[in-house]
C-alpha atoms as a PDB file:
ATOM      1  CA  UNK A   1      -0.137  55.883 131.750  1.00  0.00           C
ATOM      2  CA  UNK A   2      -3.514  57.438 132.541  1.00  0.00           C
ATOM      3  CA  UNK A   3      -4.394  57.249 128.850  1.00  0.00           C
ATOM      4  CA  UNK A   4      -3.924  53.475 128.896  1.00  0.00           C
ATOM      5  CA  UNK A   5      -5.394  53.032 132.356  1.00  0.00           C
ATOM      6  CA  UNK A   6      -8.750  54.624 131.569  1.00  0.00           C
ATOM      7  CA  UNK A   7      -9.038  53.311 128.017  1.00  0.00           C
ATOM      8  CA  UNK A   8      -8.117  56.434 126.074  1.00  0.00           C
ATOM      9  CA  UNK A   9      -6.938  54.412 123.094  1.00  0.00           C
ATOM     10  CA  UNK A  10     -10.486  53.133 122.567  1.00  0.00           C
ATOM     11  CA  UNK A  11     -12.104  56.583 122.434  1.00  0.00           C
ATOM     12  CA  UNK A  12      -9.285  58.993 121.476  1.00  0.00           C
ATOM     13  CA  UNK A  13      -7.952  62.065 123.271  1.00  0.00           C
ATOM     14  CA  UNK A  14     -10.414  64.458 121.636  1.00  0.00           C
ATOM     15  CA  UNK A  15     -13.457  62.488 122.696  1.00  0.00           C
ATOM     16  CA  UNK A  16     -15.844  63.883 125.321  1.00  0.00           C
ATOM     17  CA  UNK A  17     -15.690  60.418 126.927  1.00  0.00           C
ATOM     18  CA  UNK A  18     -11.924  60.849 127.395  1.00  0.00           C
ATOM     19  CA  UNK A  19     -12.369  64.223 129.104  1.00  0.00           C
ATOM     20  CA  UNK A  20     -15.008  62.782 131.447  1.00  0.00           C
ATOM     21  CA  UNK A  21     -12.750  59.814 132.225  1.00  0.00           C
ATOM     22  CA  UNK A  22      -9.890  62.161 133.149  1.00  0.00           C
ATOM     23  CA  UNK A  23     -12.152  64.279 135.336  1.00  0.00           C
ATOM     24  CA  UNK A  24     -13.409  61.197 137.140  1.00  0.00           C
ATOM     25  CA  UNK A  25      -9.900  59.779 137.576  1.00  0.00           C
ATOM     26  CA  UNK A  26      -8.908  63.022 139.333  1.00  0.00           C
ATOM     27  CA  UNK A  27     -11.787  62.830 141.803  1.00  0.00           C
ATOM     28  CA  UNK A  28     -11.012  61.569 145.316  1.00  0.00           C
ATOM     29  CA  UNK A  29     -11.489  57.823 145.791  1.00  0.00           C
ATOM     30  CA  UNK A  30     -14.391  58.433 148.181  1.00  0.00           C
ATOM     31  CA  UNK A  31     -16.195  60.197 145.310  1.00  0.00           C
ATOM     32  CA  UNK A  32     -15.657  57.366 142.818  1.00  0.00           C
ATOM     33  CA  UNK A  33     -12.408  58.603 141.339  1.00  0.00           C
ATOM     34  CA  UNK A  34      -8.852  57.315 141.392  1.00  0.00           C
ATOM     35  CA  UNK A  35      -7.421  60.190 143.426  1.00  0.00           C
ATOM     36  CA  UNK A  36      -4.906  61.109 140.717  1.00  0.00           C
ATOM     37  CA  UNK A  37      -3.271  64.532 140.715  1.00  0.00           C
ATOM     38  CA  UNK A  38      -2.393  66.409 137.558  1.00  0.00           C
ATOM     39  CA  UNK A  39       1.352  66.828 137.132  1.00  0.00           C
ATOM     40  CA  UNK A  40       0.672  70.320 135.778  1.00  0.00           C
ATOM     41  CA  UNK A  41      -1.088  71.231 139.032  1.00  0.00           C
ATOM     42  CA  UNK A  42       1.909  70.318 141.197  1.00  0.00           C
ATOM     43  CA  UNK A  43       4.815  71.156 138.887  1.00  0.00           C
ATOM     44  CA  UNK A  44       5.931  74.264 140.791  1.00  0.00           C
ATOM     45  CA  UNK A  45       5.874  72.525 144.172  1.00  0.00           C
ATOM     46  CA  UNK A  46       7.740  69.588 142.626  1.00  0.00           C
ATOM     47  CA  UNK A  47      10.407  71.939 141.276  1.00  0.00           C
ATOM     48  CA  UNK A  48      10.936  73.509 144.713  1.00  0.00           C
ATOM     49  CA  UNK A  49      10.913  70.107 146.416  1.00  0.00           C
ATOM     50  CA  UNK A  50      13.490  68.725 144.015  1.00  0.00           C
ATOM     51  CA  UNK A  51      15.862  71.598 144.672  1.00  0.00           C
ATOM     52  CA  UNK A  52      15.322  71.264 148.408  1.00  0.00           C
ATOM     53  CA  UNK A  53      16.245  67.581 148.234  1.00  0.00           C
ATOM     54  CA  UNK A  54      19.294  67.830 145.976  1.00  0.00           C
ATOM     55  CA  UNK A  55      20.950  71.080 147.006  1.00  0.00           C
ATOM     56  CA  UNK A  56      23.024  69.620 149.844  1.00  0.00           C
ATOM     57  CA  UNK A  57      24.165  66.464 147.976  1.00  0.00           C
ATOM     58  CA  UNK A  58      25.085  68.510 144.901  1.00  0.00           C
ATOM     59  CA  UNK A  59      27.141  70.885 147.032  1.00  0.00           C
ATOM     60  CA  UNK A  60      28.905  67.980 148.744  1.00  0.00           C
ATOM     61  CA  UNK A  61      29.564  65.902 145.627  1.00  0.00           C
ATOM     62  CA  UNK A  62      30.267  68.431 142.888  1.00  0.00           C
ATOM     63  CA  UNK A  63      33.130  70.883 143.406  1.00  0.00           C
ATOM     64  CA  UNK A  64      31.756  73.786 141.293  1.00  0.00           C
ATOM     65  CA  UNK A  65      28.641  73.936 143.488  1.00  0.00           C
ATOM     66  CA  UNK A  66      30.420  73.936 146.872  1.00  0.00           C
ATOM     67  CA  UNK A  67      29.954  77.678 147.246  1.00  0.00           C
ATOM     68  CA  UNK A  68      26.343  77.698 146.003  1.00  0.00           C
ATOM     69  CA  UNK A  69      24.213  79.787 148.315  1.00  0.00           C
ATOM     70  CA  UNK A  70      20.521  79.746 147.455  1.00  0.00           C
ATOM     71  CA  UNK A  71      19.997  82.814 149.634  1.00  0.00           C
ATOM     72  CA  UNK A  72      22.124  84.800 147.181  1.00  0.00           C
ATOM     73  CA  UNK A  73      20.857  83.182 143.966  1.00  0.00           C
ATOM     74  CA  UNK A  74      19.092  85.599 141.616  1.00  0.00           C
ATOM     75  CA  UNK A  75      15.625  84.949 140.330  1.00  0.00           C
ATOM     76  CA  UNK A  76      12.126  84.680 141.674  1.00  0.00           C
ATOM     77  CA  UNK A  77      12.130  80.878 141.464  1.00  0.00           C
ATOM     78  CA  UNK A  78      14.655  80.693 144.272  1.00  0.00           C
ATOM     79  CA  UNK A  79      12.478  82.827 146.582  1.00  0.00           C
ATOM     80  CA  UNK A  80      10.559  79.731 147.684  1.00  0.00           C
ATOM     81  CA  UNK A  81      13.788  78.010 148.731  1.00  0.00           C
ATOM     82  CA  UNK A  82      14.980  80.853 150.933  1.00  0.00           C
END
């Protein structure tokens, strides 16, 4: 979407103009940008947020997950949910 929005098709992804356009689009609006956030920059927070939002409904709606306890789940990724 950003590629189309800032005219990437006209200059190509490898163009210096494309890189400058992306940098400007990520600037805050008050600095002349579009205030866009990179999905790569927020992917870990999004992962944690998704689990936080769906854990209860999954446990209520899907029998195999009724006994799911994040506090006992192995793995570092679950540390943020505890």
